Amino acid sequence: LRASHHSLPAASHSVDRALVVSMRAGGAVGLFVETISFIAISLVF
């Protein structure tokens, strides 16, 4: 949701800015999911 909201004003400046917002949001989600999975299992064990 945050990426969707902020990619619109970013696109008013340039397509590159909108892509940066989208890519960083996707990277943040991927990193969060992967790391929280391993940390959770490590804590349980």
Full PDB file with SEQRES, HELIX, SHEET, SSBOND, CRYST1, ORIGX, SCALE, CONECT and MASTER records, all heavy atoms in Angstrom:
SEQRES   1 A   45  LEU ARG ALA SER HIS HIS SER LEU PRO ALA ALA SER HIS          
SEQRES   2 A   45  SER VAL ASP ARG ALA LEU VAL VAL SER MET ARG ALA GLY          
SEQRES   3 A   45  GLY ALA VAL GLY LEU PHE VAL GLU THR ILE SER PHE ILE          
SEQRES   4 A   45  ALA ILE SER LEU VAL PHE                                      
HELIX    1 AA1 ARG A    2  HIS A   13  1                                  12    
HELIX    2 AA2 VAL A   15  VAL A   44  1                                  30    
CRYST1    1.000    1.000    1.000  90.00  90.00  90.00 P 1           1          
ORIGX1      1.000000  0.000000  0.000000        0.00000                         
ORIGX2      0.000000  1.000000  0.000000        0.00000                         
ORIGX3      0.000000  0.000000  1.000000        0.00000                         
SCALE1      1.000000  0.000000  0.000000        0.00000                         
SCALE2      0.000000  1.000000  0.000000        0.00000                         
SCALE3      0.000000  0.000000  1.000000        0.00000                         
ATOM      1  N   LEU A   1       0.824  -1.210   0.000  1.00  0.00           N  
ATOM      2  CA  LEU A   1       0.000   0.000   0.000  1.00  0.00           C  
ATOM      3  C   LEU A   1       0.857   1.257   0.000  1.00  0.00           C  
ATOM      4  O   LEU A   1       0.586   2.216  -0.739  1.00  0.00           O  
ATOM      5  CB  LEU A   1      -0.930  -0.009   1.213  1.00  0.00           C  
ATOM      6  CG  LEU A   1      -2.093  -0.993   1.183  1.00  0.00           C  
ATOM      7  CD1 LEU A   1      -2.749  -1.085   2.552  1.00  0.00           C  
ATOM      8  CD2 LEU A   1      -3.109  -0.579   0.137  1.00  0.00           C  
ATOM      9  N   ARG A   2       1.887   1.248   0.827  1.00  0.00           N  
ATOM     10  CA  ARG A   2       2.761   2.420   0.892  1.00  0.00           C  
ATOM     11  C   ARG A   2       3.466   2.642  -0.436  1.00  0.00           C  
ATOM     12  O   ARG A   2       3.600   3.790  -0.905  1.00  0.00           O  
ATOM     13  CB  ARG A   2       3.781   2.241   2.024  1.00  0.00           C  
ATOM     14  CG  ARG A   2       4.647   3.465   2.254  1.00  0.00           C  
ATOM     15  CD  ARG A   2       5.633   3.239   3.386  1.00  0.00           C  
ATOM     16  NE  ARG A   2       4.948   3.017   4.671  1.00  0.00           N  
ATOM     17  CZ  ARG A   2       5.592   2.841   5.812  1.00  0.00           C  
ATOM     18  NH1 ARG A   2       6.919   2.834   5.833  1.00  0.00           N  
ATOM     19  NH2 ARG A   2       4.922   2.663   6.929  1.00  0.00           N  
ATOM     20  N   ALA A   3       3.920   1.552  -1.058  1.00  0.00           N  
ATOM     21  CA  ALA A   3       4.587   1.690  -2.355  1.00  0.00           C  
ATOM     22  C   ALA A   3       3.628   2.208  -3.413  1.00  0.00           C  
ATOM     23  O   ALA A   3       3.999   3.039  -4.253  1.00  0.00           O  
ATOM     24  CB  ALA A   3       5.167   0.340  -2.775  1.00  0.00           C  
ATOM     25  N   SER A   4       2.366   1.731  -3.370  1.00  0.00           N  
ATOM     26  CA  SER A   4       1.382   2.213  -4.346  1.00  0.00           C  
ATOM     27  C   SER A   4       1.118   3.706  -4.185  1.00  0.00           C  
ATOM     28  O   SER A   4       1.026   4.448  -5.166  1.00  0.00           O  
ATOM     29  CB  SER A   4       0.078   1.423  -4.178  1.00  0.00           C  
ATOM     30  OG  SER A   4       0.280   0.053  -4.412  1.00  0.00           O  
ATOM     31  N   HIS A   5       0.988   4.141  -2.931  1.00  0.00           N  
ATOM     32  CA  HIS A   5       0.716   5.556  -2.684  1.00  0.00           C  
ATOM     33  C   HIS A   5       1.864   6.452  -3.143  1.00  0.00           C  
ATOM     34  O   HIS A   5       1.638   7.506  -3.748  1.00  0.00           O  
ATOM     35  CB  HIS A   5       0.456   5.784  -1.196  1.00  0.00           C  
ATOM     36  CG  HIS A   5      -0.717   5.007  -0.682  1.00  0.00           C  
ATOM     37  ND1 HIS A   5      -0.927   4.777   0.660  1.00  0.00           N  
ATOM     38  CD2 HIS A   5      -1.740   4.404  -1.335  1.00  0.00           C  
ATOM     39  CE1 HIS A   5      -2.035   4.049   0.803  1.00  0.00           C  
ATOM     40  NE2 HIS A   5      -2.536   3.813  -0.382  1.00  0.00           N  
ATOM     41  N   HIS A   6       3.091   6.028  -2.853  1.00  0.00           N  
ATOM     42  CA  HIS A   6       4.235   6.900  -3.116  1.00  0.00           C  
ATOM     43  C   HIS A   6       4.794   6.744  -4.532  1.00  0.00           C  
ATOM     44  O   HIS A   6       5.594   7.580  -4.963  1.00  0.00           O  
ATOM     45  CB  HIS A   6       5.336   6.628  -2.088  1.00  0.00           C  
ATOM     46  CG  HIS A   6       4.997   7.093  -0.704  1.00  0.00           C  
ATOM     47  ND1 HIS A   6       5.184   8.388  -0.285  1.00  0.00           N  
ATOM     48  CD2 HIS A   6       4.453   6.450   0.354  1.00  0.00           C  
ATOM     49  CE1 HIS A   6       4.781   8.522   0.973  1.00  0.00           C  
ATOM     50  NE2 HIS A   6       4.332   7.358   1.381  1.00  0.00           N  
ATOM     51  N   SER A   7       4.407   5.682  -5.236  1.00  0.00           N  
ATOM     52  CA  SER A   7       4.882   5.558  -6.616  1.00  0.00           C  
ATOM     53  C   SER A   7       4.173   6.548  -7.543  1.00  0.00           C  
ATOM     54  O   SER A   7       4.732   6.937  -8.582  1.00  0.00           O  
ATOM     55  CB  SER A   7       4.661   4.127  -7.115  1.00  0.00           C  
ATOM     56  OG  SER A   7       3.294   3.793  -7.132  1.00  0.00           O  
ATOM     57  N   LEU A   8       2.962   6.984  -7.160  1.00  0.00           N  
ATOM     58  CA  LEU A   8       2.241   7.942  -8.006  1.00  0.00           C  
ATOM     59  C   LEU A   8       2.914   9.309  -8.024  1.00  0.00           C  
ATOM     60  O   LEU A   8       3.187   9.850  -9.108  1.00  0.00           O  
ATOM     61  CB  LEU A   8       0.789   8.044  -7.533  1.00  0.00           C  
ATOM     62  CG  LEU A   8      -0.061   6.792  -7.766  1.00  0.00           C  
ATOM     63  CD1 LEU A   8      -1.458   6.980  -7.205  1.00  0.00           C  
ATOM     64  CD2 LEU A   8      -0.133   6.461  -9.249  1.00  0.00           C  
ATOM     65  N   PRO A   9       3.186   9.934  -6.867  1.00  0.00           N  
ATOM     66  CA  PRO A   9       3.920  11.216  -6.951  1.00  0.00           C  
ATOM     67  C   PRO A   9       5.325  11.045  -7.487  1.00  0.00           C  
ATOM     68  O   PRO A   9       5.860  11.971  -8.122  1.00  0.00           O  
ATOM     69  CB  PRO A   9       3.927  11.712  -5.492  1.00  0.00           C  
ATOM     70  CG  PRO A   9       3.682  10.514  -4.663  1.00  0.00           C  
ATOM     71  CD  PRO A   9       2.806   9.612  -5.479  1.00  0.00           C  
ATOM     72  N   ALA A  10       5.934   9.880  -7.258  1.00  0.00           N  
ATOM     73  CA  ALA A  10       7.272   9.657  -7.813  1.00  0.00           C  
ATOM     74  C   ALA A  10       7.224   9.591  -9.336  1.00  0.00           C  
ATOM     75  O   ALA A  10       8.128  10.078 -10.023  1.00  0.00           O  
ATOM     76  CB  ALA A  10       7.866   8.368  -7.251  1.00  0.00           C  
ATOM     77  N   ALA A  11       6.157   8.992  -9.880  1.00  0.00           N  
ATOM     78  CA  ALA A  11       6.029   8.904 -11.338  1.00  0.00           C  
ATOM     79  C   ALA A  11       5.821  10.257 -11.981  1.00  0.00           C  
ATOM     80  O   ALA A  11       6.092  10.434 -13.170  1.00  0.00           O  
ATOM     81  CB  ALA A  11       4.876   7.970 -11.693  1.00  0.00           C  
ATOM     82  N   SER A  12       5.321  11.238 -11.209  1.00  0.00           N  
ATOM     83  CA  SER A  12       5.148  12.583 -11.767  1.00  0.00           C  
ATOM     84  C   SER A  12       6.492  13.236 -12.053  1.00  0.00           C  
ATOM     85  O   SER A  12       6.563  14.167 -12.856  1.00  0.00           O  
ATOM     86  CB  SER A  12       4.338  13.445 -10.790  1.00  0.00           C  
ATOM     87  OG  SER A  12       5.041  13.622  -9.567  1.00  0.00           O  
ATOM     88  N   HIS A  13       7.548  12.775 -11.386  1.00  0.00           N  
ATOM     89  CA  HIS A  13       8.897  13.296 -11.653  1.00  0.00           C  
ATOM     90  C   HIS A  13       9.574  12.503 -12.769  1.00  0.00           C  
ATOM     91  O   HIS A  13      10.097  13.081 -13.714  1.00  0.00           O  
ATOM     92  CB  HIS A  13       9.744  13.239 -10.379  1.00  0.00           C  
ATOM     93  CG  HIS A  13       9.247  14.135  -9.291  1.00  0.00           C  
ATOM     94  ND1 HIS A  13       9.523  15.475  -9.244  1.00  0.00           N  
ATOM     95  CD2 HIS A  13       8.488  13.869  -8.192  1.00  0.00           C  
ATOM     96  CE1 HIS A  13       8.961  16.022  -8.164  1.00  0.00           C  
ATOM     97  NE2 HIS A  13       8.323  15.061  -7.512  1.00  0.00           N  
ATOM     98  N   SER A  14       9.557  11.172 -12.648  1.00  0.00           N  
ATOM     99  CA  SER A  14      10.167  10.329 -13.674  1.00  0.00           C  
ATOM    100  C   SER A  14       9.750   8.887 -13.444  1.00  0.00           C  
ATOM    101  O   SER A  14       9.352   8.503 -12.340  1.00  0.00           O  
ATOM    102  CB  SER A  14      11.702  10.439 -13.648  1.00  0.00           C  
ATOM    103  OG  SER A  14      12.216   9.880 -12.447  1.00  0.00           O  
ATOM    104  N   VAL A  15       9.838   8.100 -14.516  1.00  0.00           N  
ATOM    105  CA  VAL A  15       9.530   6.671 -14.407  1.00  0.00           C  
ATOM    106  C   VAL A  15      10.558   5.977 -13.519  1.00  0.00           C  
ATOM    107  O   VAL A  15      10.226   5.036 -12.781  1.00  0.00           O  
ATOM    108  CB  VAL A  15       9.500   6.038 -15.811  1.00  0.00           C  
ATOM    109  CG1 VAL A  15       9.275   4.527 -15.717  1.00  0.00           C  
ATOM    110  CG2 VAL A  15       8.418   6.672 -16.662  1.00  0.00           C  
ATOM    111  N   ASP A  16      11.799   6.449 -13.572  1.00  0.00           N  
ATOM    112  CA  ASP A  16      12.848   5.826 -12.765  1.00  0.00           C  
ATOM    113  C   ASP A  16      12.532   5.911 -11.272  1.00  0.00           C  
ATOM    114  O   ASP A  16      12.740   4.952 -10.531  1.00  0.00           O  
ATOM    115  CB  ASP A  16      14.202   6.485 -13.043  1.00  0.00           C  
ATOM    116  CG  ASP A  16      14.729   6.130 -14.418  1.00  0.00           C  
ATOM    117  OD1 ASP A  16      14.243   5.133 -14.983  1.00  0.00           O  
ATOM    118  OD2 ASP A  16      15.606   6.849 -14.926  1.00  0.00           O  
ATOM    119  N   ARG A  17      12.024   7.047 -10.830  1.00  0.00           N  
ATOM    120  CA  ARG A  17      11.686   7.187  -9.411  1.00  0.00           C  
ATOM    121  C   ARG A  17      10.571   6.228  -9.012  1.00  0.00           C  
ATOM    122  O   ARG A  17      10.612   5.615  -7.944  1.00  0.00           O  
ATOM    123  CB  ARG A  17      11.264   8.617  -9.108  1.00  0.00           C  
ATOM    124  CG  ARG A  17      12.408   9.610  -9.069  1.00  0.00           C  
ATOM    125  CD  ARG A  17      11.960  10.895  -8.387  1.00  0.00           C  
ATOM    126  NE  ARG A  17      13.009  11.895  -8.353  1.00  0.00           N  
ATOM    127  CZ  ARG A  17      12.915  13.063  -7.724  1.00  0.00           C  
ATOM    128  NH1 ARG A  17      11.783  13.378  -7.091  1.00  0.00           N  
ATOM    129  NH2 ARG A  17      13.901  13.925  -7.734  1.00  0.00           N  
ATOM    130  N   ALA A  18       9.583   6.083  -9.866  1.00  0.00           N  
ATOM    131  CA  ALA A  18       8.498   5.149  -9.562  1.00  0.00           C  
ATOM    132  C   ALA A  18       9.009   3.720  -9.508  1.00  0.00           C  
ATOM    133  O   ALA A  18       8.604   2.927  -8.641  1.00  0.00           O  
ATOM    134  CB  ALA A  18       7.393   5.279 -10.606  1.00  0.00           C  
ATOM    135  N   LEU A  19       9.922   3.365 -10.403  1.00  0.00           N  
ATOM    136  CA  LEU A  19      10.489   2.018 -10.388  1.00  0.00           C  
ATOM    137  C   LEU A  19      11.339   1.791  -9.151  1.00  0.00           C  
ATOM    138  O   LEU A  19      11.352   0.689  -8.590  1.00  0.00           O  
ATOM    139  CB  LEU A  19      11.322   1.787 -11.650  1.00  0.00           C  
ATOM    140  CG  LEU A  19      10.538   1.674 -12.963  1.00  0.00           C  
ATOM    141  CD1 LEU A  19      11.491   1.555 -14.141  1.00  0.00           C  
ATOM    142  CD2 LEU A  19       9.595   0.493 -12.918  1.00  0.00           C  
ATOM    143  N   VAL A  20      12.049   2.816  -8.721  1.00  0.00           N  
ATOM    144  CA  VAL A  20      12.863   2.689  -7.503  1.00  0.00           C  
ATOM    145  C   VAL A  20      11.973   2.409  -6.299  1.00  0.00           C  
ATOM    146  O   VAL A  20      12.280   1.544  -5.470  1.00  0.00           O  
ATOM    147  CB  VAL A  20      13.695   3.971  -7.288  1.00  0.00           C  
ATOM    148  CG1 VAL A  20      14.281   4.000  -5.881  1.00  0.00           C  
ATOM    149  CG2 VAL A  20      14.825   4.043  -8.307  1.00  0.00           C  
ATOM    150  N   VAL A  21      10.865   3.126  -6.199  1.00  0.00           N  
ATOM    151  CA  VAL A  21       9.930   2.900  -5.086  1.00  0.00           C  
ATOM    152  C   VAL A  21       9.407   1.472  -5.120  1.00  0.00           C  
ATOM    153  O   VAL A  21       9.376   0.769  -4.104  1.00  0.00           O  
ATOM    154  CB  VAL A  21       8.770   3.909  -5.145  1.00  0.00           C  
ATOM    155  CG1 VAL A  21       7.702   3.551  -4.122  1.00  0.00           C  
ATOM    156  CG2 VAL A  21       9.279   5.320  -4.906  1.00  0.00           C  
ATOM    157  N   SER A  22       8.989   1.022  -6.301  1.00  0.00           N  
ATOM    158  CA  SER A  22       8.428  -0.325  -6.421  1.00  0.00           C  
ATOM    159  C   SER A  22       9.467  -1.394  -6.119  1.00  0.00           C  
ATOM    160  O   SER A  22       9.177  -2.371  -5.402  1.00  0.00           O  
ATOM    161  CB  SER A  22       7.860  -0.522  -7.830  1.00  0.00           C  
ATOM    162  OG  SER A  22       6.878   0.435  -8.114  1.00  0.00           O  
ATOM    163  N   MET A  23      10.662  -1.245  -6.653  1.00  0.00           N  
ATOM    164  CA  MET A  23      11.701  -2.252  -6.447  1.00  0.00           C  
ATOM    165  C   MET A  23      12.137  -2.308  -4.992  1.00  0.00           C  
ATOM    166  O   MET A  23      12.364  -3.397  -4.437  1.00  0.00           O  
ATOM    167  CB  MET A  23      12.901  -1.947  -7.346  1.00  0.00           C  
ATOM    168  CG  MET A  23      12.623  -2.153  -8.828  1.00  0.00           C  
ATOM    169  SD  MET A  23      12.224  -3.878  -9.227  1.00  0.00           S  
ATOM    170  CE  MET A  23      13.797  -4.664  -8.864  1.00  0.00           C  
ATOM    171  N   ARG A  24      12.251  -1.162  -4.355  1.00  0.00           N  
ATOM    172  CA  ARG A  24      12.662  -1.172  -2.954  1.00  0.00           C  
ATOM    173  C   ARG A  24      11.578  -1.751  -2.062  1.00  0.00           C  
ATOM    174  O   ARG A  24      11.871  -2.430  -1.072  1.00  0.00           O  
ATOM    175  CB  ARG A  24      13.033   0.236  -2.509  1.00  0.00           C  
ATOM    176  CG  ARG A  24      14.323   0.729  -3.154  1.00  0.00           C  
ATOM    177  CD  ARG A  24      14.812   2.038  -2.567  1.00  0.00           C  
ATOM    178  NE  ARG A  24      16.065   2.460  -3.167  1.00  0.00           N  
ATOM    179  CZ  ARG A  24      16.759   3.525  -2.808  1.00  0.00           C  
ATOM    180  NH1 ARG A  24      16.294   4.326  -1.855  1.00  0.00           N  
ATOM    181  NH2 ARG A  24      17.896   3.839  -3.401  1.00  0.00           N  
ATOM    182  N   ALA A  25      10.328  -1.509  -2.407  1.00  0.00           N  
ATOM    183  CA  ALA A  25       9.239  -2.117  -1.634  1.00  0.00           C  
ATOM    184  C   ALA A  25       9.253  -3.633  -1.788  1.00  0.00           C  
ATOM    185  O   ALA A  25       9.117  -4.373  -0.804  1.00  0.00           O  
ATOM    186  CB  ALA A  25       7.901  -1.554  -2.090  1.00  0.00           C  
ATOM    187  N   GLY A  26       9.420  -4.101  -3.012  1.00  0.00           N  
ATOM    188  CA  GLY A  26       9.506  -5.541  -3.223  1.00  0.00           C  
ATOM    189  C   GLY A  26      10.710  -6.163  -2.530  1.00  0.00           C  
ATOM    190  O   GLY A  26      10.621  -7.250  -1.953  1.00  0.00           O  
ATOM    191  N   GLY A  27      11.844  -5.476  -2.576  1.00  0.00           N  
ATOM    192  CA  GLY A  27      13.023  -5.977  -1.873  1.00  0.00           C  
ATOM    193  C   GLY A  27      12.836  -6.024  -0.371  1.00  0.00           C  
ATOM    194  O   GLY A  27      13.265  -6.963   0.294  1.00  0.00           O  
ATOM    195  N   ALA A  28      12.160  -4.999   0.169  1.00  0.00           N  
ATOM    196  CA  ALA A  28      11.908  -4.982   1.611  1.00  0.00           C  
ATOM    197  C   ALA A  28      11.016  -6.143   2.023  1.00  0.00           C  
ATOM    198  O   ALA A  28      11.257  -6.803   3.037  1.00  0.00           O  
ATOM    199  CB  ALA A  28      11.262  -3.649   2.010  1.00  0.00           C  
ATOM    200  N   VAL A  29       9.972  -6.425   1.234  1.00  0.00           N  
ATOM    201  CA  VAL A  29       9.073  -7.541   1.559  1.00  0.00           C  
ATOM    202  C   VAL A  29       9.821  -8.869   1.468  1.00  0.00           C  
ATOM    203  O   VAL A  29       9.715  -9.719   2.363  1.00  0.00           O  
ATOM    204  CB  VAL A  29       7.859  -7.541   0.606  1.00  0.00           C  
ATOM    205  CG1 VAL A  29       7.029  -8.805   0.809  1.00  0.00           C  
ATOM    206  CG2 VAL A  29       7.012  -6.312   0.837  1.00  0.00           C  
ATOM    207  N   GLY A  30      10.577  -9.060   0.390  1.00  0.00           N  
ATOM    208  CA  GLY A  30      11.309 -10.315   0.239  1.00  0.00           C  
ATOM    209  C   GLY A  30      12.315 -10.544   1.352  1.00  0.00           C  
ATOM    210  O   GLY A  30      12.413 -11.652   1.905  1.00  0.00           O  
ATOM    211  N   LEU A  31      13.067  -9.515   1.698  1.00  0.00           N  
ATOM    212  CA  LEU A  31      14.041  -9.639   2.781  1.00  0.00           C  
ATOM    213  C   LEU A  31      13.366  -9.903   4.116  1.00  0.00           C  
ATOM    214  O   LEU A  31      13.813 -10.746   4.904  1.00  0.00           O  
ATOM    215  CB  LEU A  31      14.889  -8.363   2.870  1.00  0.00           C  
ATOM    216  CG  LEU A  31      16.135  -8.293   1.998  1.00  0.00           C  
ATOM    217  CD1 LEU A  31      16.787  -6.923   2.137  1.00  0.00           C  
ATOM    218  CD2 LEU A  31      17.134  -9.376   2.382  1.00  0.00           C  
ATOM    219  N   PHE A  32      12.270  -9.196   4.371  1.00  0.00           N  
ATOM    220  CA  PHE A  32      11.567  -9.383   5.638  1.00  0.00           C  
ATOM    221  C   PHE A  32      11.050 -10.805   5.769  1.00  0.00           C  
ATOM    222  O   PHE A  32      11.205 -11.444   6.820  1.00  0.00           O  
ATOM    223  CB  PHE A  32      10.411  -8.392   5.731  1.00  0.00           C  
ATOM    224  CG  PHE A  32       9.608  -8.526   7.000  1.00  0.00           C  
ATOM    225  CD1 PHE A  32      10.045  -7.927   8.174  1.00  0.00           C  
ATOM    226  CD2 PHE A  32       8.427  -9.246   7.023  1.00  0.00           C  
ATOM    227  CE1 PHE A  32       9.318  -8.058   9.346  1.00  0.00           C  
ATOM    228  CE2 PHE A  32       7.693  -9.375   8.187  1.00  0.00           C  
ATOM    229  CZ  PHE A  32       8.139  -8.784   9.350  1.00  0.00           C  
ATOM    230  N   VAL A  33      10.438 -11.319   4.722  1.00  0.00           N  
ATOM    231  CA  VAL A  33       9.868 -12.669   4.779  1.00  0.00           C  
ATOM    232  C   VAL A  33      10.960 -13.714   4.996  1.00  0.00           C  
ATOM    233  O   VAL A  33      10.837 -14.601   5.848  1.00  0.00           O  
ATOM    234  CB  VAL A  33       9.077 -12.963   3.494  1.00  0.00           C  
ATOM    235  CG1 VAL A  33       8.647 -14.425   3.455  1.00  0.00           C  
ATOM    236  CG2 VAL A  33       7.864 -12.056   3.402  1.00  0.00           C  
ATOM    237  N   GLU A  34      12.016 -13.627   4.220  1.00  0.00           N  
ATOM    238  CA  GLU A  34      13.084 -14.633   4.312  1.00  0.00           C  
ATOM    239  C   GLU A  34      13.767 -14.599   5.667  1.00  0.00           C  
ATOM    240  O   GLU A  34      14.014 -15.648   6.285  1.00  0.00           O  
ATOM    241  CB  GLU A  34      14.108 -14.385   3.196  1.00  0.00           C  
ATOM    242  CG  GLU A  34      15.228 -15.408   3.143  1.00  0.00           C  
ATOM    243  CD  GLU A  34      14.748 -16.778   2.710  1.00  0.00           C  
ATOM    244  OE1 GLU A  34      13.788 -16.848   1.930  1.00  0.00           O  
ATOM    245  OE2 GLU A  34      15.348 -17.780   3.158  1.00  0.00           O  
ATOM    246  N   THR A  35      14.078 -13.409   6.139  1.00  0.00           N  
ATOM    247  CA  THR A  35      14.814 -13.316   7.409  1.00  0.00           C  
ATOM    248  C   THR A  35      13.936 -13.659   8.604  1.00  0.00           C  
ATOM    249  O   THR A  35      14.381 -14.333   9.539  1.00  0.00           O  
ATOM    250  CB  THR A  35      15.389 -11.903   7.582  1.00  0.00           C  
ATOM    251  OG1 THR A  35      14.327 -10.931   7.477  1.00  0.00           O  
ATOM    252  CG2 THR A  35      16.426 -11.607   6.510  1.00  0.00           C  
ATOM    253  N   ILE A  36      12.679 -13.224   8.595  1.00  0.00           N  
ATOM    254  CA  ILE A  36      11.810 -13.499   9.739  1.00  0.00           C  
ATOM    255  C   ILE A  36      11.506 -14.987   9.824  1.00  0.00           C  
ATOM    256  O   ILE A  36      11.301 -15.531  10.919  1.00  0.00           O  
ATOM    257  CB  ILE A  36      10.502 -12.667   9.647  1.00  0.00           C  
ATOM    258  CG1 ILE A  36       9.892 -12.467  11.044  1.00  0.00           C  
ATOM    259  CG2 ILE A  36       9.501 -13.324   8.756  1.00  0.00           C  
ATOM    260  CD1 ILE A  36      10.673 -11.588  11.941  1.00  0.00           C  
ATOM    261  N   SER A  37      11.495 -15.678   8.685  1.00  0.00           N  
ATOM    262  CA  SER A  37      11.273 -17.126   8.700  1.00  0.00           C  
ATOM    263  C   SER A  37      12.416 -17.839   9.406  1.00  0.00           C  
ATOM    264  O   SER A  37      12.190 -18.667  10.302  1.00  0.00           O  
ATOM    265  CB  SER A  37      11.132 -17.638   7.261  1.00  0.00           C  
ATOM    266  OG  SER A  37      11.115 -19.053   7.238  1.00  0.00           O  
ATOM    267  N   PHE A  38      13.645 -17.524   9.035  1.00  0.00           N  
ATOM    268  CA  PHE A  38      14.790 -18.193   9.659  1.00  0.00           C  
ATOM    269  C   PHE A  38      14.916 -17.823  11.129  1.00  0.00           C  
ATOM    270  O   PHE A  38      15.200 -18.688  11.968  1.00  0.00           O  
ATOM    271  CB  PHE A  38      16.071 -17.819   8.912  1.00  0.00           C  
ATOM    272  CG  PHE A  38      17.300 -18.497   9.459  1.00  0.00           C  
ATOM    273  CD1 PHE A  38      17.631 -19.773   9.051  1.00  0.00           C  
ATOM    274  CD2 PHE A  38      18.106 -17.861  10.389  1.00  0.00           C  
ATOM    275  CE1 PHE A  38      18.763 -20.403   9.559  1.00  0.00           C  
ATOM    276  CE2 PHE A  38      19.223 -18.479  10.903  1.00  0.00           C  
ATOM    277  CZ  PHE A  38      19.558 -19.757  10.488  1.00  0.00           C  
ATOM    278  N   ILE A  39      14.712 -16.558  11.450  1.00  0.00           N  
ATOM    279  CA  ILE A  39      14.837 -16.130  12.843  1.00  0.00           C  
ATOM    280  C   ILE A  39      13.780 -16.809  13.712  1.00  0.00           C  
ATOM    281  O   ILE A  39      14.057 -17.235  14.836  1.00  0.00           O  
ATOM    282  CB  ILE A  39      14.730 -14.596  12.924  1.00  0.00           C  
ATOM    283  CG1 ILE A  39      15.968 -13.950  12.283  1.00  0.00           C  
ATOM    284  CG2 ILE A  39      14.603 -14.138  14.379  1.00  0.00           C  
ATOM    285  CD1 ILE A  39      15.882 -12.445  12.176  1.00  0.00           C  
ATOM    286  N   ALA A  40      12.558 -16.935  13.207  1.00  0.00           N  
ATOM    287  CA  ALA A  40      11.493 -17.577  13.982  1.00  0.00           C  
ATOM    288  C   ALA A  40      11.824 -19.039  14.260  1.00  0.00           C  
ATOM    289  O   ALA A  40      11.664 -19.526  15.390  1.00  0.00           O  
ATOM    290  CB  ALA A  40      10.164 -17.460  13.247  1.00  0.00           C  
ATOM    291  N   ILE A  41      12.283 -19.748  13.238  1.00  0.00           N  
ATOM    292  CA  ILE A  41      12.637 -21.158  13.435  1.00  0.00           C  
ATOM    293  C   ILE A  41      13.811 -21.285  14.376  1.00  0.00           C  
ATOM    294  O   ILE A  41      13.842 -22.181  15.246  1.00  0.00           O  
ATOM    295  CB  ILE A  41      12.940 -21.811  12.078  1.00  0.00           C  
ATOM    296  CG1 ILE A  41      11.673 -21.858  11.230  1.00  0.00           C  
ATOM    297  CG2 ILE A  41      13.502 -23.214  12.254  1.00  0.00           C  
ATOM    298  CD1 ILE A  41      11.886 -22.357   9.833  1.00  0.00           C  
ATOM    299  N   SER A  42      14.796 -20.420  14.254  1.00  0.00           N  
ATOM    300  CA  SER A  42      15.956 -20.464  15.149  1.00  0.00           C  
ATOM    301  C   SER A  42      15.551 -20.220  16.595  1.00  0.00           C  
ATOM    302  O   SER A  42      16.069 -20.873  17.511  1.00  0.00           O  
ATOM    303  CB  SER A  42      16.990 -19.423  14.705  1.00  0.00           C  
ATOM    304  OG  SER A  42      17.428 -19.677  13.389  1.00  0.00           O  
ATOM    305  N   LEU A  43      14.617 -19.294  16.800  1.00  0.00           N  
ATOM    306  CA  LEU A  43      14.167 -19.017  18.168  1.00  0.00           C  
ATOM    307  C   LEU A  43      13.404 -20.200  18.750  1.00  0.00           C  
ATOM    308  O   LEU A  43      13.585 -20.563  19.914  1.00  0.00           O  
ATOM    309  CB  LEU A  43      13.299 -17.760  18.179  1.00  0.00           C  
ATOM    310  CG  LEU A  43      14.028 -16.432  17.965  1.00  0.00           C  
ATOM    311  CD1 LEU A  43      13.033 -15.282  17.930  1.00  0.00           C  
ATOM    312  CD2 LEU A  43      15.055 -16.195  19.058  1.00  0.00           C  
ATOM    313  N   VAL A  44      12.531 -20.812  17.948  1.00  0.00           N  
ATOM    314  CA  VAL A  44      11.781 -21.973  18.435  1.00  0.00           C  
ATOM    315  C   VAL A  44      12.728 -23.091  18.825  1.00  0.00           C  
ATOM    316  O   VAL A  44      12.602 -23.701  19.898  1.00  0.00           O  
ATOM    317  CB  VAL A  44      10.779 -22.450  17.360  1.00  0.00           C  
ATOM    318  CG1 VAL A  44      10.162 -23.786  17.763  1.00  0.00           C  
ATOM    319  CG2 VAL A  44       9.680 -21.417  17.159  1.00  0.00           C  
ATOM    320  N   PHE A  45      13.695 -23.367  17.972  1.00  0.00           N  
ATOM    321  CA  PHE A  45      14.642 -24.443  18.258  1.00  0.00           C  
ATOM    322  C   PHE A  45      15.601 -24.061  19.380  1.00  0.00           C  
ATOM    323  O   PHE A  45      15.799 -24.816  20.343  1.00  0.00           O  
ATOM    324  CB  PHE A  45      15.439 -24.785  16.989  1.00  0.00           C  
ATOM    325  CG  PHE A  45      16.459 -25.862  17.201  1.00  0.00           C  
ATOM    326  CD1 PHE A  45      16.110 -27.198  17.063  1.00  0.00           C  
ATOM    327  CD2 PHE A  45      17.768 -25.549  17.539  1.00  0.00           C  
ATOM    328  CE1 PHE A  45      17.050 -28.199  17.266  1.00  0.00           C  
ATOM    329  CE2 PHE A  45      18.714 -26.535  17.734  1.00  0.00           C  
ATOM    330  CZ  PHE A  45      18.353 -27.868  17.596  1.00  0.00           C  
TER     331      PHE A  45                                                      
MASTER        0    0    0    2    0    0    0    6  330    1    0    4          
END                                                                             
